[in-house]
Amino acid sequence: MIANSESEHLSKYFEMIKNNPSLALPKDAPIRIITDIIIIREWQEKNATKDNVQIGFLLQDRYITIVRDLVEFPDGSINGYNRIIGKRSGSVRKGDMEIKEIRGLLF
């Protein structure tokens, strides 16, 4: 499943976050995910020519989900950050996802 329009990217993204609270980063994480729709839309408008990938849900198959979060980095800069969320092995049910951390990067 691939999202095509901005509204589809964001509606699926927010639905996924709502249904899977474990996808949120811990409060002490070095980056902060921005979920304010106004900030996301403003950032996308300013960066449309540099970056044609939408913030939000991008792709899902049997094994992974790919999202692009808008994040604030420790230096205060804001940018898109791709995340690959693997589904747990075995029987997969709605909301059964995990976040992988490899070398300090969240997947």
N, C-alpha and C. Protein backbone atom coordinates (compact mmCIF):
# COMPACT_ATOMS: atom_id res chain seq x y z
N MET A 1 0.84 -1.17 0.00
CA MET A 1 0.00 0.00 0.00
C MET A 1 0.90 1.24 0.00
N ILE A 2 0.63 2.16 -0.91
CA ILE A 2 1.39 3.40 -1.03
C ILE A 2 0.42 4.56 -0.94
N ALA A 3 0.79 5.59 -0.16
CA ALA A 3 -0.04 6.79 -0.07
C ALA A 3 0.32 7.71 -1.23
N ASN A 4 -0.68 8.36 -1.82
CA ASN A 4 -0.43 9.19 -2.99
C ASN A 4 -0.61 10.68 -2.76
N SER A 5 -1.62 11.08 -2.03
CA SER A 5 -1.87 12.51 -1.83
C SER A 5 -1.40 12.94 -0.45
N GLU A 6 -1.22 14.26 -0.27
CA GLU A 6 -0.80 14.78 1.04
C GLU A 6 -1.78 14.37 2.13
N SER A 7 -3.07 14.51 1.85
CA SER A 7 -4.05 14.18 2.88
C SER A 7 -3.99 12.69 3.22
N GLU A 8 -3.73 11.86 2.21
CA GLU A 8 -3.62 10.42 2.45
C GLU A 8 -2.36 10.11 3.26
N HIS A 9 -1.24 10.75 2.92
CA HIS A 9 0.00 10.57 3.69
C HIS A 9 -0.24 10.88 5.16
N LEU A 10 -0.84 12.02 5.42
CA LEU A 10 -0.99 12.47 6.80
C LEU A 10 -2.09 11.75 7.55
N SER A 11 -3.22 11.47 6.89
CA SER A 11 -4.30 10.79 7.62
C SER A 11 -3.88 9.39 8.02
N LYS A 12 -3.21 8.65 7.14
CA LYS A 12 -2.72 7.32 7.49
C LYS A 12 -1.63 7.39 8.57
N TYR A 13 -0.79 8.40 8.50
CA TYR A 13 0.28 8.60 9.47
C TYR A 13 -0.30 8.83 10.87
N PHE A 14 -1.24 9.77 10.98
CA PHE A 14 -1.83 10.06 12.29
C PHE A 14 -2.67 8.90 12.82
N GLU A 15 -3.33 8.17 11.93
CA GLU A 15 -4.07 6.98 12.35
C GLU A 15 -3.11 5.92 12.90
N MET A 16 -1.98 5.75 12.21
CA MET A 16 -1.00 4.77 12.66
C MET A 16 -0.43 5.14 14.03
N ILE A 17 -0.11 6.41 14.23
CA ILE A 17 0.42 6.86 15.52
C ILE A 17 -0.63 6.67 16.62
N LYS A 18 -1.88 6.99 16.32
CA LYS A 18 -2.95 6.83 17.30
C LYS A 18 -3.13 5.36 17.69
N ASN A 19 -3.07 4.47 16.71
CA ASN A 19 -3.28 3.05 16.96
C ASN A 19 -2.05 2.33 17.50
N ASN A 20 -0.89 2.96 17.42
CA ASN A 20 0.37 2.34 17.86
C ASN A 20 1.18 3.34 18.69
N PRO A 21 0.77 3.62 19.91
CA PRO A 21 1.49 4.62 20.71
C PRO A 21 2.95 4.27 20.94
N SER A 22 3.31 3.00 20.78
CA SER A 22 4.70 2.61 20.96
C SER A 22 5.61 3.20 19.87
N LEU A 23 5.03 3.76 18.81
CA LEU A 23 5.84 4.36 17.75
C LEU A 23 6.38 5.72 18.13
N ALA A 24 5.86 6.30 19.19
CA ALA A 24 6.37 7.59 19.66
C ALA A 24 7.76 7.37 20.27
N LEU A 25 8.60 8.37 20.14
CA LEU A 25 9.93 8.26 20.71
C LEU A 25 9.89 8.55 22.20
N PRO A 26 10.81 7.99 22.97
CA PRO A 26 10.86 8.31 24.40
C PRO A 26 11.12 9.80 24.60
N LYS A 27 10.67 10.32 25.74
CA LYS A 27 10.82 11.77 26.02
C LYS A 27 12.29 12.20 26.01
N ASP A 28 13.22 11.28 26.36
CA ASP A 28 14.64 11.65 26.42
C ASP A 28 15.38 11.34 25.11
N ALA A 29 14.65 11.05 24.03
CA ALA A 29 15.28 10.78 22.73
C ALA A 29 15.98 12.04 22.23
N PRO A 30 17.08 11.89 21.49
CA PRO A 30 17.81 13.07 21.00
C PRO A 30 17.06 13.86 19.94
N ILE A 31 16.08 13.24 19.29
CA ILE A 31 15.26 13.97 18.33
C ILE A 31 13.81 13.93 18.79
N ARG A 32 13.05 14.94 18.37
CA ARG A 32 11.64 15.03 18.75
C ARG A 32 10.79 14.99 17.49
N ILE A 33 9.81 14.09 17.47
CA ILE A 33 8.90 14.01 16.33
C ILE A 33 7.86 15.12 16.46
N ILE A 34 7.69 15.88 15.40
CA ILE A 34 6.71 16.97 15.37
C ILE A 34 5.42 16.42 14.78
N THR A 35 4.33 16.54 15.53
CA THR A 35 3.04 16.02 15.05
C THR A 35 2.00 17.14 14.88
N ASP A 36 2.42 18.37 15.00
CA ASP A 36 1.52 19.51 14.81
C ASP A 36 1.28 19.68 13.31
N ILE A 37 0.05 19.49 12.87
CA ILE A 37 -0.28 19.53 11.45
C ILE A 37 0.05 20.87 10.80
N ILE A 38 -0.10 21.95 11.54
CA ILE A 38 0.21 23.29 10.99
C ILE A 38 1.70 23.42 10.71
N ILE A 39 2.53 22.99 11.65
CA ILE A 39 3.98 23.04 11.47
C ILE A 39 4.40 22.14 10.31
N ILE A 40 3.81 20.95 10.23
CA ILE A 40 4.14 20.02 9.14
C ILE A 40 3.80 20.65 7.79
N ARG A 41 2.61 21.20 7.66
CA ARG A 41 2.21 21.80 6.37
C ARG A 41 3.08 23.01 6.02
N GLU A 42 3.40 23.86 7.01
CA GLU A 42 4.27 25.01 6.75
C GLU A 42 5.64 24.55 6.28
N TRP A 43 6.19 23.54 6.93
CA TRP A 43 7.51 23.03 6.56
C TRP A 43 7.47 22.47 5.14
N GLN A 44 6.42 21.70 4.82
CA GLN A 44 6.31 21.12 3.48
C GLN A 44 6.20 22.20 2.41
N GLU A 45 5.44 23.27 2.68
CA GLU A 45 5.31 24.36 1.71
C GLU A 45 6.66 25.02 1.45
N LYS A 46 7.43 25.26 2.51
CA LYS A 46 8.74 25.91 2.37
C LYS A 46 9.75 25.02 1.68
N ASN A 47 9.61 23.71 1.81
CA ASN A 47 10.62 22.78 1.31
C ASN A 47 10.16 21.97 0.10
N ALA A 48 9.05 22.36 -0.50
CA ALA A 48 8.48 21.59 -1.61
C ALA A 48 9.45 21.45 -2.78
N THR A 49 10.20 22.49 -3.08
CA THR A 49 11.10 22.42 -4.24
C THR A 49 12.36 21.62 -3.93
N LYS A 50 12.80 21.61 -2.67
CA LYS A 50 14.01 20.87 -2.29
C LYS A 50 13.72 19.40 -2.03
N ASP A 51 12.51 19.12 -1.62
CA ASP A 51 12.22 17.80 -1.09
C ASP A 51 10.82 17.38 -1.51
N ASN A 52 10.74 16.46 -2.46
CA ASN A 52 9.41 16.10 -2.96
C ASN A 52 8.77 14.95 -2.21
N VAL A 53 9.39 14.46 -1.15
CA VAL A 53 8.80 13.38 -0.35
C VAL A 53 7.94 13.99 0.74
N GLN A 54 6.71 13.53 0.84
CA GLN A 54 5.78 14.04 1.83
C GLN A 54 6.11 13.54 3.23
N ILE A 55 5.74 14.32 4.21
CA ILE A 55 5.81 13.88 5.61
C ILE A 55 4.61 12.97 5.83
N GLY A 56 4.81 11.88 6.55
CA GLY A 56 3.70 10.98 6.87
C GLY A 56 3.97 9.56 6.42
N PHE A 57 2.89 8.83 6.25
CA PHE A 57 2.93 7.44 5.82
C PHE A 57 3.38 7.38 4.37
N LEU A 58 4.34 6.49 4.07
CA LEU A 58 4.81 6.37 2.70
C LEU A 58 4.46 5.02 2.06
N LEU A 59 4.73 3.92 2.77
CA LEU A 59 4.56 2.61 2.16
C LEU A 59 4.40 1.54 3.23
N GLN A 60 3.64 0.51 2.90
CA GLN A 60 3.50 -0.62 3.82
C GLN A 60 3.36 -1.89 3.01
N ASP A 61 4.08 -2.94 3.45
CA ASP A 61 3.87 -4.26 2.89
C ASP A 61 3.76 -5.26 4.04
N ARG A 62 3.89 -6.54 3.75
CA ARG A 62 3.74 -7.56 4.79
C ARG A 62 4.80 -7.45 5.88
N TYR A 63 5.94 -6.87 5.57
CA TYR A 63 7.08 -6.91 6.48
C TYR A 63 7.44 -5.58 7.13
N ILE A 64 7.24 -4.50 6.41
CA ILE A 64 7.66 -3.19 6.93
C ILE A 64 6.63 -2.11 6.63
N THR A 65 6.74 -1.04 7.40
CA THR A 65 6.03 0.21 7.13
C THR A 65 7.09 1.30 7.07
N ILE A 66 6.99 2.17 6.08
CA ILE A 66 7.93 3.29 5.96
C ILE A 66 7.16 4.58 6.17
N VAL A 67 7.64 5.40 7.10
CA VAL A 67 7.05 6.71 7.35
C VAL A 67 8.16 7.75 7.26
N ARG A 68 7.75 8.97 7.05
CA ARG A 68 8.68 10.10 7.10
C ARG A 68 8.15 11.06 8.13
N ASP A 69 8.88 11.12 9.27
CA ASP A 69 8.51 12.03 10.35
C ASP A 69 9.13 13.39 10.09
N LEU A 70 8.49 14.42 10.59
CA LEU A 70 9.13 15.72 10.68
C LEU A 70 9.71 15.78 12.08
N VAL A 71 11.02 15.99 12.17
CA VAL A 71 11.67 15.95 13.48
C VAL A 71 12.49 17.20 13.74
N GLU A 72 12.64 17.47 15.04
CA GLU A 72 13.54 18.54 15.48
C GLU A 72 14.77 17.86 16.05
N PHE A 73 15.94 18.21 15.51
CA PHE A 73 17.21 17.63 15.94
C PHE A 73 17.75 18.40 17.14
N PRO A 74 18.75 17.84 17.84
CA PRO A 74 19.29 18.51 19.04
C PRO A 74 19.78 19.93 18.80
N ASP A 75 20.23 20.22 17.57
CA ASP A 75 20.71 21.58 17.29
C ASP A 75 19.58 22.55 16.97
N GLY A 76 18.32 22.06 17.03
CA GLY A 76 17.16 22.92 16.76
C GLY A 76 16.70 22.91 15.32
N SER A 77 17.47 22.28 14.43
CA SER A 77 17.06 22.24 13.02
C SER A 77 15.89 21.26 12.87
N ILE A 78 15.07 21.52 11.86
CA ILE A 78 13.89 20.70 11.59
C ILE A 78 14.03 20.15 10.18
N ASN A 79 13.77 18.84 10.05
CA ASN A 79 13.87 18.21 8.74
C ASN A 79 13.08 16.91 8.73
N GLY A 80 12.90 16.35 7.55
CA GLY A 80 12.26 15.05 7.43
C GLY A 80 13.22 13.94 7.84
N TYR A 81 12.67 12.87 8.38
CA TYR A 81 13.48 11.74 8.86
C TYR A 81 12.74 10.45 8.53
N ASN A 82 13.32 9.65 7.65
CA ASN A 82 12.67 8.40 7.24
C ASN A 82 12.84 7.34 8.32
N ARG A 83 11.76 6.61 8.56
CA ARG A 83 11.78 5.53 9.54
C ARG A 83 11.21 4.27 8.91
N ILE A 84 11.91 3.17 9.11
CA ILE A 84 11.43 1.87 8.66
C ILE A 84 11.00 1.12 9.91
N ILE A 85 9.75 0.74 9.95
CA ILE A 85 9.19 0.07 11.12
C ILE A 85 8.92 -1.37 10.71
N GLY A 86 9.63 -2.29 11.35
CA GLY A 86 9.48 -3.71 11.02
C GLY A 86 8.33 -4.32 11.79
N LYS A 87 7.59 -5.18 11.12
CA LYS A 87 6.55 -5.92 11.80
C LYS A 87 7.19 -7.12 12.48
N ARG A 88 6.72 -7.45 13.64
CA ARG A 88 7.28 -8.58 14.38
C ARG A 88 7.04 -9.87 13.64
N SER A 89 7.96 -10.78 13.79
CA SER A 89 7.80 -12.07 13.13
C SER A 89 6.66 -12.85 13.78
N GLY A 90 6.18 -13.85 13.08
CA GLY A 90 5.03 -14.60 13.58
C GLY A 90 3.75 -14.00 13.05
N SER A 91 2.65 -14.25 13.72
CA SER A 91 1.39 -13.71 13.24
C SER A 91 1.33 -12.22 13.54
N VAL A 92 1.04 -11.45 12.53
CA VAL A 92 1.01 -10.00 12.66
C VAL A 92 -0.44 -9.56 12.75
N ARG A 93 -0.74 -8.76 13.74
CA ARG A 93 -2.08 -8.21 13.87
C ARG A 93 -1.97 -6.69 13.90
N LYS A 94 -3.08 -6.01 13.75
CA LYS A 94 -3.07 -4.55 13.73
C LYS A 94 -2.39 -4.01 14.98
N GLY A 95 -1.47 -3.11 14.78
CA GLY A 95 -0.77 -2.50 15.91
C GLY A 95 0.43 -3.29 16.39
N ASP A 96 0.77 -4.40 15.74
CA ASP A 96 1.87 -5.24 16.19
C ASP A 96 3.14 -4.84 15.45
N MET A 97 3.76 -3.76 15.89
CA MET A 97 4.97 -3.24 15.24
C MET A 97 6.03 -3.00 16.29
N GLU A 98 7.25 -2.86 15.82
CA GLU A 98 8.34 -2.55 16.72
C GLU A 98 9.25 -1.54 16.04
N ILE A 99 10.00 -0.81 16.85
CA ILE A 99 10.97 0.13 16.33
C ILE A 99 12.34 -0.47 16.56
N LYS A 100 13.17 -0.47 15.54
CA LYS A 100 14.52 -0.98 15.64
C LYS A 100 15.48 0.19 15.86
N GLU A 101 16.45 0.02 16.72
CA GLU A 101 17.49 1.04 16.88
C GLU A 101 18.81 0.38 16.54
N ILE A 102 19.47 0.93 15.52
CA ILE A 102 20.76 0.41 15.09
C ILE A 102 21.74 1.58 15.04
N ARG A 103 22.79 1.47 15.84
CA ARG A 103 23.82 2.51 15.90
C ARG A 103 23.23 3.89 16.15
N GLY A 104 22.28 3.96 17.04
CA GLY A 104 21.70 5.25 17.42
C GLY A 104 20.63 5.76 16.48
N LEU A 105 20.39 5.07 15.38
CA LEU A 105 19.36 5.49 14.44
C LEU A 105 18.11 4.66 14.69
N LEU A 106 16.96 5.27 14.63
CA LEU A 106 15.70 4.57 14.86
C LEU A 106 15.16 4.05 13.54
N PHE A 107 14.75 2.82 13.54
CA PHE A 107 14.15 2.21 12.36
C PHE A 107 12.84 1.61 12.74
